Amino acid sequence: YDYTDPALGKRLVFMDIPGYDVISITGTMVGGANMLCFTIGRGTVMGSIPAPCLNMASNSGMYRYWIEDMDVNCGIILDGEADIAKMRRLIFERVLEAASSKTTKSDAAGFGQLNFAPWRLGRSV
């Protein structure tokens, strides 16, 4: 799918989006995403009013540093505390909780009020 194209039906889809965090999340929501799982590698946290956003830390150091903003610590795989199957179950449980109205940390902090930015195609000055 192109950026912001509606993803119709119930299925996994791939959208051509930029690597810029806020703009990519905006495009997926406009395209119809109703749940976001945002993997964080360097510390950008996301939130969104239209769709709950789970912030997932890629390593435990980042999780501890940003603990008030992180919903899932994926670093426990690297730490040897979990395997892929356990992590998959944990993420699935967090998705179900958020879909059942449990507030994500970013939404509780109010990040979703401002994280919305369209992608300007072409040159910008």
PDB file of N, CA and C in Angstrom:
ATOM      1  N   TYR A   1       0.826  -1.183   0.000  1.00  0.00           N
ATOM      2  CA  TYR A   1       0.000   0.000   0.000  1.00  0.00           C
ATOM      3  C   TYR A   1       0.871   1.246   0.000  1.00  0.00           C
ATOM      4  N   ASP A   2       0.416   2.280  -0.679  1.00  0.00           N
ATOM      5  CA  ASP A   2       1.102   3.561  -0.627  1.00  0.00           C
ATOM      6  C   ASP A   2       0.736   4.261   0.678  1.00  0.00           C
ATOM      7  N   TYR A   3       1.515   5.254   1.048  1.00  0.00           N
ATOM      8  CA  TYR A   3       1.315   6.020   2.276  1.00  0.00           C
ATOM      9  C   TYR A   3      -0.127   6.504   2.391  1.00  0.00           C
ATOM     10  N   THR A   4      -0.779   6.191   3.460  1.00  0.00           N
ATOM     11  CA  THR A   4      -2.157   6.554   3.841  1.00  0.00           C
ATOM     12  C   THR A   4      -3.257   5.849   3.048  1.00  0.00           C
ATOM     13  N   ASP A   5      -2.916   4.991   2.085  1.00  0.00           N
ATOM     14  CA  ASP A   5      -3.973   4.258   1.370  1.00  0.00           C
ATOM     15  C   ASP A   5      -4.755   3.403   2.364  1.00  0.00           C
ATOM     16  N   PRO A   6      -6.078   3.373   2.232  1.00  0.00           N
ATOM     17  CA  PRO A   6      -6.871   2.548   3.154  1.00  0.00           C
ATOM     18  C   PRO A   6      -6.578   1.059   2.968  1.00  0.00           C
ATOM     19  N   ALA A   7      -6.287   0.393   4.058  1.00  0.00           N
ATOM     20  CA  ALA A   7      -6.057  -1.060   4.048  1.00  0.00           C
ATOM     21  C   ALA A   7      -7.393  -1.718   4.351  1.00  0.00           C
ATOM     22  N   LEU A   8      -8.058  -2.183   3.331  1.00  0.00           N
ATOM     23  CA  LEU A   8      -9.405  -2.725   3.475  1.00  0.00           C
ATOM     24  C   LEU A   8      -9.366  -4.203   3.815  1.00  0.00           C
ATOM     25  N   GLY A   9     -10.326  -4.655   4.617  1.00  0.00           N
ATOM     26  CA  GLY A   9     -10.426  -6.069   4.970  1.00  0.00           C
ATOM     27  C   GLY A   9      -9.598  -6.410   6.196  1.00  0.00           C
ATOM     28  N   LYS A  10      -9.706  -7.650   6.621  1.00  0.00           N
ATOM     29  CA  LYS A  10      -8.992  -8.131   7.796  1.00  0.00           C
ATOM     30  C   LYS A  10      -7.811  -8.976   7.338  1.00  0.00           C
ATOM     31  N   ARG A  11      -6.628  -8.366   7.341  1.00  0.00           N
ATOM     32  CA  ARG A  11      -5.430  -9.093   6.929  1.00  0.00           C
ATOM     33  C   ARG A  11      -4.202  -8.261   7.266  1.00  0.00           C
ATOM     34  N   LEU A  12      -3.060  -8.906   7.210  1.00  0.00           N
ATOM     35  CA  LEU A  12      -1.792  -8.223   7.396  1.00  0.00           C
ATOM     36  C   LEU A  12      -1.442  -7.508   6.098  1.00  0.00           C
ATOM     37  N   VAL A  13      -1.088  -6.240   6.209  1.00  0.00           N
ATOM     38  CA  VAL A  13      -0.699  -5.470   5.025  1.00  0.00           C
ATOM     39  C   VAL A  13       0.627  -4.767   5.287  1.00  0.00           C
ATOM     40  N   PHE A  14       1.300  -4.387   4.222  1.00  0.00           N
ATOM     41  CA  PHE A  14       2.529  -3.616   4.300  1.00  0.00           C
ATOM     42  C   PHE A  14       2.297  -2.287   3.601  1.00  0.00           C
ATOM     43  N   MET A  15       2.747  -1.204   4.239  1.00  0.00           N
ATOM     44  CA  MET A  15       2.573   0.132   3.690  1.00  0.00           C
ATOM     45  C   MET A  15       3.940   0.760   3.458  1.00  0.00           C
ATOM     46  N   ASP A  16       4.077   1.447   2.349  1.00  0.00           N
ATOM     47  CA  ASP A  16       5.298   2.174   2.021  1.00  0.00           C
ATOM     48  C   ASP A  16       5.294   3.473   2.825  1.00  0.00           C
ATOM     49  N   ILE A  17       6.062   3.488   3.918  1.00  0.00           N
ATOM     50  CA  ILE A  17       6.087   4.654   4.798  1.00  0.00           C
ATOM     51  C   ILE A  17       7.531   5.082   5.026  1.00  0.00           C
ATOM     52  N   PRO A  18       7.742   6.349   5.372  1.00  0.00           N
ATOM     53  CA  PRO A  18       9.102   6.817   5.644  1.00  0.00           C
ATOM     54  C   PRO A  18       9.598   6.298   6.992  1.00  0.00           C
ATOM     55  N   GLY A  19      10.879   6.431   7.243  1.00  0.00           N
ATOM     56  CA  GLY A  19      11.459   5.999   8.501  1.00  0.00           C
ATOM     57  C   GLY A  19      11.266   6.995   9.636  1.00  0.00           C
ATOM     58  N   TYR A  20      10.739   8.161   9.347  1.00  0.00           N
ATOM     59  CA  TYR A  20      10.522   9.169  10.377  1.00  0.00           C
ATOM     60  C   TYR A  20       9.315   8.759  11.225  1.00  0.00           C
ATOM     61  N   ASP A  21       9.534   8.585  12.518  1.00  0.00           N
ATOM     62  CA  ASP A  21       8.580   7.943  13.413  1.00  0.00           C
ATOM     63  C   ASP A  21       7.168   8.525  13.391  1.00  0.00           C
ATOM     64  N   VAL A  22       7.041   9.792  13.682  1.00  0.00           N
ATOM     65  CA  VAL A  22       5.705  10.396  13.789  1.00  0.00           C
ATOM     66  C   VAL A  22       4.976  10.336  12.454  1.00  0.00           C
ATOM     67  N   ILE A  23       5.688  10.575  11.377  1.00  0.00           N
ATOM     68  CA  ILE A  23       5.067  10.550  10.052  1.00  0.00           C
ATOM     69  C   ILE A  23       4.644   9.138   9.675  1.00  0.00           C
ATOM     70  N   SER A  24       5.444   8.140  10.007  1.00  0.00           N
ATOM     71  CA  SER A  24       5.070   6.761   9.667  1.00  0.00           C
ATOM     72  C   SER A  24       3.848   6.307  10.462  1.00  0.00           C
ATOM     73  N   ILE A  25       3.794   6.651  11.739  1.00  0.00           N
ATOM     74  CA  ILE A  25       2.637   6.289  12.564  1.00  0.00           C
ATOM     75  C   ILE A  25       1.386   6.995  12.052  1.00  0.00           C
ATOM     76  N   THR A  26       1.505   8.263  11.687  1.00  0.00           N
ATOM     77  CA  THR A  26       0.370   8.999  11.131  1.00  0.00           C
ATOM     78  C   THR A  26      -0.167   8.296   9.889  1.00  0.00           C
ATOM     79  N   GLY A  27       0.719   7.889   8.982  1.00  0.00           N
ATOM     80  CA  GLY A  27       0.292   7.221   7.753  1.00  0.00           C
ATOM     81  C   GLY A  27      -0.412   5.906   8.008  1.00  0.00           C
ATOM     82  N   THR A  28       0.079   5.124   8.973  1.00  0.00           N
ATOM     83  CA  THR A  28      -0.571   3.844   9.259  1.00  0.00           C
ATOM     84  C   THR A  28      -1.940   4.046   9.888  1.00  0.00           C
ATOM     85  N   MET A  29      -2.080   5.063  10.743  1.00  0.00           N
ATOM     86  CA  MET A  29      -3.404   5.333  11.335  1.00  0.00           C
ATOM     87  C   MET A  29      -4.395   5.813  10.281  1.00  0.00           C
ATOM     88  N   VAL A  30      -3.949   6.713   9.405  1.00  0.00           N
ATOM     89  CA  VAL A  30      -4.828   7.201   8.343  1.00  0.00           C
ATOM     90  C   VAL A  30      -5.243   6.041   7.438  1.00  0.00           C
ATOM     91  N   GLY A  31      -4.338   5.098   7.233  1.00  0.00           N
ATOM     92  CA  GLY A  31      -4.640   3.927   6.419  1.00  0.00           C
ATOM     93  C   GLY A  31      -5.563   2.922   7.104  1.00  0.00           C
ATOM     94  N   GLY A  32      -5.835   3.117   8.394  1.00  0.00           N
ATOM     95  CA  GLY A  32      -6.810   2.272   9.076  1.00  0.00           C
ATOM     96  C   GLY A  32      -6.298   1.465  10.255  1.00  0.00           C
ATOM     97  N   ALA A  33      -5.019   1.613  10.642  1.00  0.00           N
ATOM     98  CA  ALA A  33      -4.515   0.863  11.798  1.00  0.00           C
ATOM     99  C   ALA A  33      -5.272   1.265  13.054  1.00  0.00           C
ATOM    100  N   ASN A  34      -5.677   0.280  13.845  1.00  0.00           N
ATOM    101  CA  ASN A  34      -6.383   0.593  15.091  1.00  0.00           C
ATOM    102  C   ASN A  34      -5.612   0.142  16.329  1.00  0.00           C
ATOM    103  N   MET A  35      -4.382  -0.350  16.131  1.00  0.00           N
ATOM    104  CA  MET A  35      -3.478  -0.718  17.221  1.00  0.00           C
ATOM    105  C   MET A  35      -2.064  -0.580  16.696  1.00  0.00           C
ATOM    106  N   LEU A  36      -1.186   0.040  17.483  1.00  0.00           N
ATOM    107  CA  LEU A  36       0.182   0.244  17.051  1.00  0.00           C
ATOM    108  C   LEU A  36       1.148  -0.396  18.041  1.00  0.00           C
ATOM    109  N   CYS A  37       2.104  -1.149  17.531  1.00  0.00           N
ATOM    110  CA  CYS A  37       3.204  -1.703  18.327  1.00  0.00           C
ATOM    111  C   CYS A  37       4.468  -1.057  17.799  1.00  0.00           C
ATOM    112  N   PHE A  38       5.010  -0.142  18.566  1.00  0.00           N
ATOM    113  CA  PHE A  38       6.119   0.690  18.104  1.00  0.00           C
ATOM    114  C   PHE A  38       7.415   0.233  18.758  1.00  0.00           C
ATOM    115  N   THR A  39       8.324  -0.317  17.963  1.00  0.00           N
ATOM    116  CA  THR A  39       9.613  -0.764  18.489  1.00  0.00           C
ATOM    117  C   THR A  39      10.567   0.424  18.574  1.00  0.00           C
ATOM    118  N   ILE A  40      11.248   0.529  19.690  1.00  0.00           N
ATOM    119  CA  ILE A  40      12.089   1.679  19.962  1.00  0.00           C
ATOM    120  C   ILE A  40      13.529   1.233  20.091  1.00  0.00           C
ATOM    121  N   GLY A  41      14.386   1.828  19.268  1.00  0.00           N
ATOM    122  CA  GLY A  41      15.790   1.472  19.289  1.00  0.00           C
ATOM    123  C   GLY A  41      16.674   2.539  19.885  1.00  0.00           C
ATOM    124  N   ARG A  42      16.241   3.810  19.793  1.00  0.00           N
ATOM    125  CA  ARG A  42      17.087   4.896  20.285  1.00  0.00           C
ATOM    126  C   ARG A  42      16.382   5.825  21.267  1.00  0.00           C
ATOM    127  N   GLY A  43      15.129   5.580  21.595  1.00  0.00           N
ATOM    128  CA  GLY A  43      14.485   6.366  22.632  1.00  0.00           C
ATOM    129  C   GLY A  43      13.305   7.218  22.222  1.00  0.00           C
ATOM    130  N   THR A  44      12.893   7.183  20.971  1.00  0.00           N
ATOM    131  CA  THR A  44      11.700   7.917  20.572  1.00  0.00           C
ATOM    132  C   THR A  44      10.482   7.159  21.081  1.00  0.00           C
ATOM    133  N   VAL A  45       9.617   7.819  21.821  1.00  0.00           N
ATOM    134  CA  VAL A  45       8.386   7.180  22.276  1.00  0.00           C
ATOM    135  C   VAL A  45       7.219   7.772  21.515  1.00  0.00           C
ATOM    136  N   MET A  46       6.194   6.965  21.324  1.00  0.00           N
ATOM    137  CA  MET A  46       5.043   7.392  20.538  1.00  0.00           C
ATOM    138  C   MET A  46       3.765   7.212  21.339  1.00  0.00           C
ATOM    139  N   GLY A  47       2.785   7.986  20.988  1.00  0.00           N
ATOM    140  CA  GLY A  47       1.439   7.848  21.514  1.00  0.00           C
ATOM    141  C   GLY A  47       0.485   8.328  20.451  1.00  0.00           C
ATOM    142  N   SER A  48      -0.752   7.943  20.539  1.00  0.00           N
ATOM    143  CA  SER A  48      -1.715   8.391  19.540  1.00  0.00           C
ATOM    144  C   SER A  48      -3.114   8.339  20.109  1.00  0.00           C
ATOM    145  N   ILE A  49      -3.892   9.329  19.805  1.00  0.00           N
ATOM    146  CA  ILE A  49      -5.275   9.367  20.252  1.00  0.00           C
ATOM    147  C   ILE A  49      -6.143   8.390  19.451  1.00  0.00           C
ATOM    148  N   PRO A  50      -6.025   8.340  18.118  1.00  0.00           N
ATOM    149  CA  PRO A  50      -6.918   7.441  17.368  1.00  0.00           C
ATOM    150  C   PRO A  50      -6.689   5.959  17.616  1.00  0.00           C
ATOM    151  N   ALA A  51      -5.450   5.561  17.957  1.00  0.00           N
ATOM    152  CA  ALA A  51      -5.139   4.140  18.125  1.00  0.00           C
ATOM    153  C   ALA A  51      -4.147   3.973  19.276  1.00  0.00           C
ATOM    154  N   PRO A  52      -4.393   3.025  20.173  1.00  0.00           N
ATOM    155  CA  PRO A  52      -3.432   2.793  21.254  1.00  0.00           C
ATOM    156  C   PRO A  52      -2.060   2.425  20.693  1.00  0.00           C
ATOM    157  N   CYS A  53      -1.009   2.892  21.349  1.00  0.00           N
ATOM    158  CA  CYS A  53       0.355   2.645  20.891  1.00  0.00           C
ATOM    159  C   CYS A  53       1.175   2.010  22.009  1.00  0.00           C
ATOM    160  N   LEU A  54       1.607   0.768  21.788  1.00  0.00           N
ATOM    161  CA  LEU A  54       2.489   0.094  22.732  1.00  0.00           C
ATOM    162  C   LEU A  54       3.929   0.427  22.367  1.00  0.00           C
ATOM    163  N   ASN A  55       4.669   1.003  23.305  1.00  0.00           N
ATOM    164  CA  ASN A  55       6.080   1.290  23.085  1.00  0.00           C
ATOM    165  C   ASN A  55       6.883   0.097  23.588  1.00  0.00           C
ATOM    166  N   MET A  56       7.689  -0.478  22.688  1.00  0.00           N
ATOM    167  CA  MET A  56       8.431  -1.691  22.991  1.00  0.00           C
ATOM    168  C   MET A  56       9.928  -1.416  22.884  1.00  0.00           C
ATOM    169  N   ALA A  57      10.621  -1.461  24.032  1.00  0.00           N
ATOM    170  CA  ALA A  57      12.061  -1.205  24.071  1.00  0.00           C
ATOM    171  C   ALA A  57      12.824  -2.376  23.483  1.00  0.00           C
ATOM    172  N   SER A  58      13.832  -2.066  22.665  1.00  0.00           N
ATOM    173  CA  SER A  58      14.623  -3.116  22.023  1.00  0.00           C
ATOM    174  C   SER A  58      15.685  -3.702  22.952  1.00  0.00           C
ATOM    175  N   ASN A  59      15.992  -3.009  24.047  1.00  0.00           N
ATOM    176  CA  ASN A  59      16.996  -3.524  24.988  1.00  0.00           C
ATOM    177  C   ASN A  59      16.639  -3.085  26.402  1.00  0.00           C
ATOM    178  N   SER A  60      17.151  -3.818  27.362  1.00  0.00           N
ATOM    179  CA  SER A  60      16.788  -3.580  28.765  1.00  0.00           C
ATOM    180  C   SER A  60      17.327  -2.269  29.312  1.00  0.00           C
ATOM    181  N   GLY A  61      18.488  -1.834  28.837  1.00  0.00           N
ATOM    182  CA  GLY A  61      19.026  -0.546  29.280  1.00  0.00           C
ATOM    183  C   GLY A  61      18.089   0.594  28.935  1.00  0.00           C
ATOM    184  N   MET A  62      17.596   0.586  27.704  1.00  0.00           N
ATOM    185  CA  MET A  62      16.642   1.614  27.295  1.00  0.00           C
ATOM    186  C   MET A  62      15.339   1.492  28.091  1.00  0.00           C
ATOM    187  N   TYR A  63      14.892   0.266  28.298  1.00  0.00           N
ATOM    188  CA  TYR A  63      13.659   0.048  29.065  1.00  0.00           C
ATOM    189  C   TYR A  63      13.792   0.659  30.462  1.00  0.00           C
ATOM    190  N   ARG A  64      14.909   0.403  31.129  1.00  0.00           N
ATOM    191  CA  ARG A  64      15.099   0.943  32.483  1.00  0.00           C
ATOM    192  C   ARG A  64      15.181   2.471  32.460  1.00  0.00           C
ATOM    193  N   TYR A  65      15.862   3.031  31.467  1.00  0.00           N
ATOM    194  CA  TYR A  65      16.021   4.486  31.380  1.00  0.00           C
ATOM    195  C   TYR A  65      14.684   5.183  31.108  1.00  0.00           C
ATOM    196  N   TRP A  66      13.865   4.582  30.241  1.00  0.00           N
ATOM    197  CA  TRP A  66      12.588   5.173  29.834  1.00  0.00           C
ATOM    198  C   TRP A  66      11.398   4.405  30.431  1.00  0.00           C
ATOM    199  N   ILE A  67      11.555   3.810  31.584  1.00  0.00           N
ATOM    200  CA  ILE A  67      10.543   2.898  32.126  1.00  0.00           C
ATOM    201  C   ILE A  67       9.149   3.533  32.224  1.00  0.00           C
ATOM    202  N   GLU A  68       9.093   4.833  32.467  1.00  0.00           N
ATOM    203  CA  GLU A  68       7.779   5.483  32.574  1.00  0.00           C
ATOM    204  C   GLU A  68       7.067   5.585  31.226  1.00  0.00           C
ATOM    205  N   ASP A  69       7.789   5.321  30.121  1.00  0.00           N
ATOM    206  CA  ASP A  69       7.215   5.416  28.780  1.00  0.00           C
ATOM    207  C   ASP A  69       7.114   4.078  28.050  1.00  0.00           C
ATOM    208  N   MET A  70       7.725   3.032  28.581  1.00  0.00           N
ATOM    209  CA  MET A  70       7.787   1.744  27.886  1.00  0.00           C
ATOM    210  C   MET A  70       6.735   0.763  28.393  1.00  0.00           C
ATOM    211  N   ASP A  71       6.053   0.115  27.463  1.00  0.00           N
ATOM    212  CA  ASP A  71       5.039  -0.885  27.805  1.00  0.00           C
ATOM    213  C   ASP A  71       5.606  -2.300  27.818  1.00  0.00           C
ATOM    214  N   VAL A  72       6.629  -2.548  27.001  1.00  0.00           N
ATOM    215  CA  VAL A  72       7.185  -3.896  26.867  1.00  0.00           C
ATOM    216  C   VAL A  72       8.714  -3.798  26.788  1.00  0.00           C
ATOM    217  N   ASN A  73       9.399  -4.675  27.527  1.00  0.00           N
ATOM    218  CA  ASN A  73      10.857  -4.767  27.452  1.00  0.00           C
ATOM    219  C   ASN A  73      11.231  -5.981  26.606  1.00  0.00           C
ATOM    220  N   CYS A  74      11.505  -5.759  25.330  1.00  0.00           N
ATOM    221  CA  CYS A  74      11.924  -6.858  24.442  1.00  0.00           C
ATOM    222  C   CYS A  74      13.363  -7.269  24.700  1.00  0.00           C
ATOM    223  N   GLY A  75      14.093  -6.490  25.469  1.00  0.00           N
ATOM    224  CA  GLY A  75      15.472  -6.802  25.794  1.00  0.00           C
ATOM    225  C   GLY A  75      15.637  -8.044  26.648  1.00  0.00           C
ATOM    226  N   ILE A  76      14.560  -8.534  27.247  1.00  0.00           N
ATOM    227  CA  ILE A  76      14.687  -9.727  28.074  1.00  0.00           C
ATOM    228  C   ILE A  76      15.089 -10.951  27.241  1.00  0.00           C
ATOM    229  N   ILE A  77      14.904 -10.881  25.934  1.00  0.00           N
ATOM    230  CA  ILE A  77      15.388 -11.963  25.065  1.00  0.00           C
ATOM    231  C   ILE A  77      16.918 -11.954  25.065  1.00  0.00           C
ATOM    232  N   LEU A  78      17.515 -10.788  24.836  1.00  0.00           N
ATOM    233  CA  LEU A  78      18.976 -10.667  24.839  1.00  0.00           C
ATOM    234  C   LEU A  78      19.566 -10.966  26.213  1.00  0.00           C
ATOM    235  N   ASP A  79      18.806 -10.669  27.275  1.00  0.00           N
ATOM    236  CA  ASP A  79      19.269 -10.909  28.640  1.00  0.00           C
ATOM    237  C   ASP A  79      19.164 -12.377  29.043  1.00  0.00           C
ATOM    238  N   GLY A  80      18.551 -13.204  28.192  1.00  0.00           N
ATOM    239  CA  GLY A  80      18.390 -14.617  28.489  1.00  0.00           C
ATOM    240  C   GLY A  80      17.245 -14.935  29.428  1.00  0.00           C
ATOM    241  N   GLU A  81      16.369 -13.960  29.665  1.00  0.00           N
ATOM    242  CA  GLU A  81      15.241 -14.148  30.574  1.00  0.00           C
ATOM    243  C   GLU A  81      13.986 -14.647  29.865  1.00  0.00           C
ATOM    244  N   ALA A  82      13.985 -14.620  28.553  1.00  0.00           N
ATOM    245  CA  ALA A  82      12.821 -15.055  27.780  1.00  0.00           C
ATOM    246  C   ALA A  82      13.279 -15.543  26.420  1.00  0.00           C
ATOM    247  N   ASP A  83      12.484 -16.420  25.830  1.00  0.00           N
ATOM    248  CA  ASP A  83      12.737 -16.834  24.452  1.00  0.00           C
ATOM    249  C   ASP A  83      11.693 -16.152  23.558  1.00  0.00           C
ATOM    250  N   ILE A  84      11.795 -16.390  22.271  1.00  0.00           N
ATOM    251  CA  ILE A  84      10.888 -15.748  21.314  1.00  0.00           C
ATOM    252  C   ILE A  84       9.428 -16.099  21.617  1.00  0.00           C
ATOM    253  N   ALA A  85       9.152 -17.347  21.945  1.00  0.00           N
ATOM    254  CA  ALA A  85       7.773 -17.771  22.217  1.00  0.00           C
ATOM    255  C   ALA A  85       7.200 -17.031  23.428  1.00  0.00           C
ATOM    256  N   LYS A  86       7.991 -16.885  24.486  1.00  0.00           N
ATOM    257  CA  LYS A  86       7.521 -16.169  25.675  1.00  0.00           C
ATOM    258  C   LYS A  86       7.276 -14.699  25.356  1.00  0.00           C
ATOM    259  N   MET A  87       8.178 -14.103  24.581  1.00  0.00           N
ATOM    260  CA  MET A  87       8.028 -12.694  24.212  1.00  0.00           C
ATOM    261  C   MET A  87       6.794 -12.489  23.349  1.00  0.00           C
ATOM    262  N   ARG A  88       6.562 -13.420  22.426  1.00  0.00           N
ATOM    263  CA  ARG A  88       5.380 -13.336  21.567  1.00  0.00           C
ATOM    264  C   ARG A  88       4.107 -13.344  22.411  1.00  0.00           C
ATOM    265  N   ARG A  89       4.049 -14.225  23.403  1.00  0.00           N
ATOM    266  CA  ARG A  89       2.874 -14.289  24.287  1.00  0.00           C
ATOM    267  C   ARG A  89       2.707 -13.003  25.076  1.00  0.00           C
ATOM    268  N   LEU A  90       3.813 -12.472  25.592  1.00  0.00           N
ATOM    269  CA  LEU A  90       3.761 -11.238  26.376  1.00  0.00           C
ATOM    270  C   LEU A  90       3.251 -10.070  25.539  1.00  0.00           C
ATOM    271  N   ILE A  91       3.777  -9.917  24.325  1.00  0.00           N
ATOM    272  CA  ILE A  91       3.321  -8.834  23.444  1.00  0.00           C
ATOM    273  C   ILE A  91       1.843  -9.021  23.103  1.00  0.00           C
ATOM    274  N   PHE A  92       1.442 -10.244  22.802  1.00  0.00           N
ATOM    275  CA  PHE A  92       0.040 -10.516  22.474  1.00  0.00           C
ATOM    276  C   PHE A  92      -0.863 -10.144  23.654  1.00  0.00           C
ATOM    277  N   GLU A  93      -0.445 -10.470  24.876  1.00  0.00           N
ATOM    278  CA  GLU A  93      -1.237 -10.110  26.055  1.00  0.00           C
ATOM    279  C   GLU A  93      -1.352  -8.599  26.205  1.00  0.00           C
ATOM    280  N   ARG A  94      -0.256  -7.873  25.961  1.00  0.00           N
ATOM    281  CA  ARG A  94      -0.289  -6.406  26.056  1.00  0.00           C
ATOM    282  C   ARG A  94      -1.198  -5.806  24.980  1.00  0.00           C
ATOM    283  N   VAL A  95      -1.174  -6.381  23.778  1.00  0.00           N
ATOM    284  CA  VAL A  95      -2.057  -5.903  22.707  1.00  0.00           C
ATOM    285  C   VAL A  95      -3.516  -6.105  23.120  1.00  0.00           C
ATOM    286  N   LEU A  96      -3.835  -7.276  23.654  1.00  0.00           N
ATOM    287  CA  LEU A  96      -5.209  -7.531  24.100  1.00  0.00           C
ATOM    288  C   LEU A  96      -5.626  -6.572  25.206  1.00  0.00           C
ATOM    289  N   GLU A  97      -4.738  -6.296  26.142  1.00  0.00           N
ATOM    290  CA  GLU A  97      -5.048  -5.355  27.219  1.00  0.00           C
ATOM    291  C   GLU A  97      -5.341  -3.965  26.669  1.00  0.00           C
ATOM    292  N   ALA A  98      -4.488  -3.490  25.756  1.00  0.00           N
ATOM    293  CA  ALA A  98      -4.689  -2.159  25.174  1.00  0.00           C
ATOM    294  C   ALA A  98      -5.976  -2.111  24.343  1.00  0.00           C
ATOM    295  N   ALA A  99      -6.250  -3.191  23.628  1.00  0.00           N
ATOM    296  CA  ALA A  99      -7.481  -3.253  22.823  1.00  0.00           C
ATOM    297  C   ALA A  99      -8.716  -3.330  23.721  1.00  0.00           C
ATOM    298  N   SER A 100      -8.526  -3.727  24.964  1.00  0.00           N
ATOM    299  CA  SER A 100      -9.637  -3.824  25.922  1.00  0.00           C
ATOM    300  C   SER A 100      -9.688  -2.610  26.838  1.00  0.00           C
ATOM    301  N   SER A 101      -9.109  -1.507  26.400  1.00  0.00           N
ATOM    302  CA  SER A 101      -9.181  -0.202  27.062  1.00  0.00           C
ATOM    303  C   SER A 101      -8.209   0.024  28.203  1.00  0.00           C
ATOM    304  N   LYS A 102      -7.209  -0.855  28.395  1.00  0.00           N
ATOM    305  CA  LYS A 102      -6.165  -0.544  29.371  1.00  0.00           C
ATOM    306  C   LYS A 102      -5.268   0.523  28.748  1.00  0.00           C
ATOM    307  N   THR A 103      -5.063   1.599  29.455  1.00  0.00           N
ATOM    308  CA  THR A 103      -4.294   2.721  28.933  1.00  0.00           C
ATOM    309  C   THR A 103      -2.816   2.363  28.813  1.00  0.00           C
ATOM    310  N   THR A 104      -2.234   2.664  27.655  1.00  0.00           N
ATOM    311  CA  THR A 104      -0.797   2.463  27.466  1.00  0.00           C
ATOM    312  C   THR A 104      -0.060   3.599  28.183  1.00  0.00           C
ATOM    313  N   LYS A 105       1.224   3.402  28.429  1.00  0.00           N
ATOM    314  CA  LYS A 105       1.987   4.421  29.160  1.00  0.00           C
ATOM    315  C   LYS A 105       2.068   5.734  28.395  1.00  0.00           C
ATOM    316  N   SER A 106       2.262   5.666  27.076  1.00  0.00           N
ATOM    317  CA  SER A 106       2.356   6.905  26.300  1.00  0.00           C
ATOM    318  C   SER A 106       1.025   7.648  26.273  1.00  0.00           C
ATOM    319  N   ASP A 107      -0.063   6.914  26.175  1.00  0.00           N
ATOM    320  CA  ASP A 107      -1.371   7.566  26.192  1.00  0.00           C
ATOM    321  C   ASP A 107      -1.650   8.186  27.560  1.00  0.00           C
ATOM    322  N   ALA A 108      -1.251   7.497  28.637  1.00  0.00           N
ATOM    323  CA  ALA A 108      -1.441   8.030  29.985  1.00  0.00           C
ATOM    324  C   ALA A 108      -0.630   9.309  30.192  1.00  0.00           C
ATOM    325  N   ALA A 109       0.534   9.382  29.538  1.00  0.00           N
ATOM    326  CA  ALA A 109       1.399  10.560  29.660  1.00  0.00           C
ATOM    327  C   ALA A 109       0.952  11.706  28.750  1.00  0.00           C
ATOM    328  N   GLY A 110      -0.022  11.456  27.882  1.00  0.00           N
ATOM    329  CA  GLY A 110      -0.534  12.508  27.010  1.00  0.00           C
ATOM    330  C   GLY A 110       0.223  12.692  25.712  1.00  0.00           C
ATOM    331  N   PHE A 111       1.123  11.738  25.352  1.00  0.00           N
ATOM    332  CA  PHE A 111       1.859  11.877  24.100  1.00  0.00           C
ATOM    333  C   PHE A 111       0.952  11.911  22.889  1.00  0.00           C
ATOM    334  N   GLY A 112      -0.171  11.259  22.940  1.00  0.00           N
ATOM    335  CA  GLY A 112      -1.050  11.153  21.789  1.00  0.00           C
ATOM    336  C   GLY A 112      -1.689  12.448  21.358  1.00  0.00           C
ATOM    337  N   GLN A 113      -1.645  13.455  22.192  1.00  0.00           N
ATOM    338  CA  GLN A 113      -2.244  14.743  21.844  1.00  0.00           C
ATOM    339  C   GLN A 113      -1.499  15.450  20.712  1.00  0.00           C
ATOM    340  N   LEU A 114      -0.193  15.208  20.606  1.00  0.00           N
ATOM    341  CA  LEU A 114       0.631  15.967  19.665  1.00  0.00           C
ATOM    342  C   LEU A 114       1.300  15.133  18.591  1.00  0.00           C
ATOM    343  N   ASN A 115       1.276  13.818  18.689  1.00  0.00           N
ATOM    344  CA  ASN A 115       1.989  12.970  17.730  1.00  0.00           C
ATOM    345  C   ASN A 115       1.157  12.696  16.490  1.00  0.00           C
ATOM    346  N   PHE A 116       1.101  13.662  15.626  1.00  0.00           N
ATOM    347  CA  PHE A 116       0.388  13.521  14.363  1.00  0.00           C
ATOM    348  C   PHE A 116       1.040  14.463  13.368  1.00  0.00           C
ATOM    349  N   ALA A 117       1.591  13.922  12.280  1.00  0.00           N
ATOM    350  CA  ALA A 117       2.254  14.760  11.287  1.00  0.00           C
ATOM    351  C   ALA A 117       2.167  14.105   9.919  1.00  0.00           C
ATOM    352  N   PRO A 118       1.582  14.787   8.940  1.00  0.00           N
ATOM    353  CA  PRO A 118       1.531  14.222   7.586  1.00  0.00           C
ATOM    354  C   PRO A 118       2.897  14.291   6.919  1.00  0.00           C
ATOM    355  N   TRP A 119       3.086  13.423   5.940  1.00  0.00           N
ATOM    356  CA  TRP A 119       4.329  13.364   5.177  1.00  0.00           C
ATOM    357  C   TRP A 119       4.214  14.317   4.005  1.00  0.00           C
ATOM    358  N   ARG A 120       5.124  15.256   3.915  1.00  0.00           N
ATOM    359  CA  ARG A 120       5.159  16.168   2.763  1.00  0.00           C
ATOM    360  C   ARG A 120       5.937  15.501   1.652  1.00  0.00           C
ATOM    361  N   LEU A 121       5.253  15.169   0.590  1.00  0.00           N
ATOM    362  CA  LEU A 121       5.914  14.537  -0.554  1.00  0.00           C
ATOM    363  C   LEU A 121       6.674  15.568  -1.354  1.00  0.00           C
ATOM    364  N   GLY A 122       7.814  15.206  -1.857  1.00  0.00           N
ATOM    365  CA  GLY A 122       8.606  16.119  -2.660  1.00  0.00           C
ATOM    366  C   GLY A 122       9.553  16.945  -1.802  1.00  0.00           C
ATOM    367  N   ARG A 123      10.075  17.985  -2.388  1.00  0.00           N
ATOM    368  CA  ARG A 123      11.046  18.836  -1.702  1.00  0.00           C
ATOM    369  C   ARG A 123      10.380  19.676  -0.640  1.00  0.00           C
ATOM    370  N   SER A 124      11.077  19.883   0.449  1.00  0.00           N
ATOM    371  CA  SER A 124      10.606  20.821   1.467  1.00  0.00           C
ATOM    372  C   SER A 124      11.779  21.684   1.878  1.00  0.00           C
ATOM    373  N   VAL A 125      11.495  22.907   2.217  1.00  0.00           N
ATOM    374  CA  VAL A 125      12.554  23.860   2.551  1.00  0.00           C
ATOM    375  C   VAL A 125      12.473  24.215   4.008  1.00  0.00           C
TER     376      VAL A 125
END
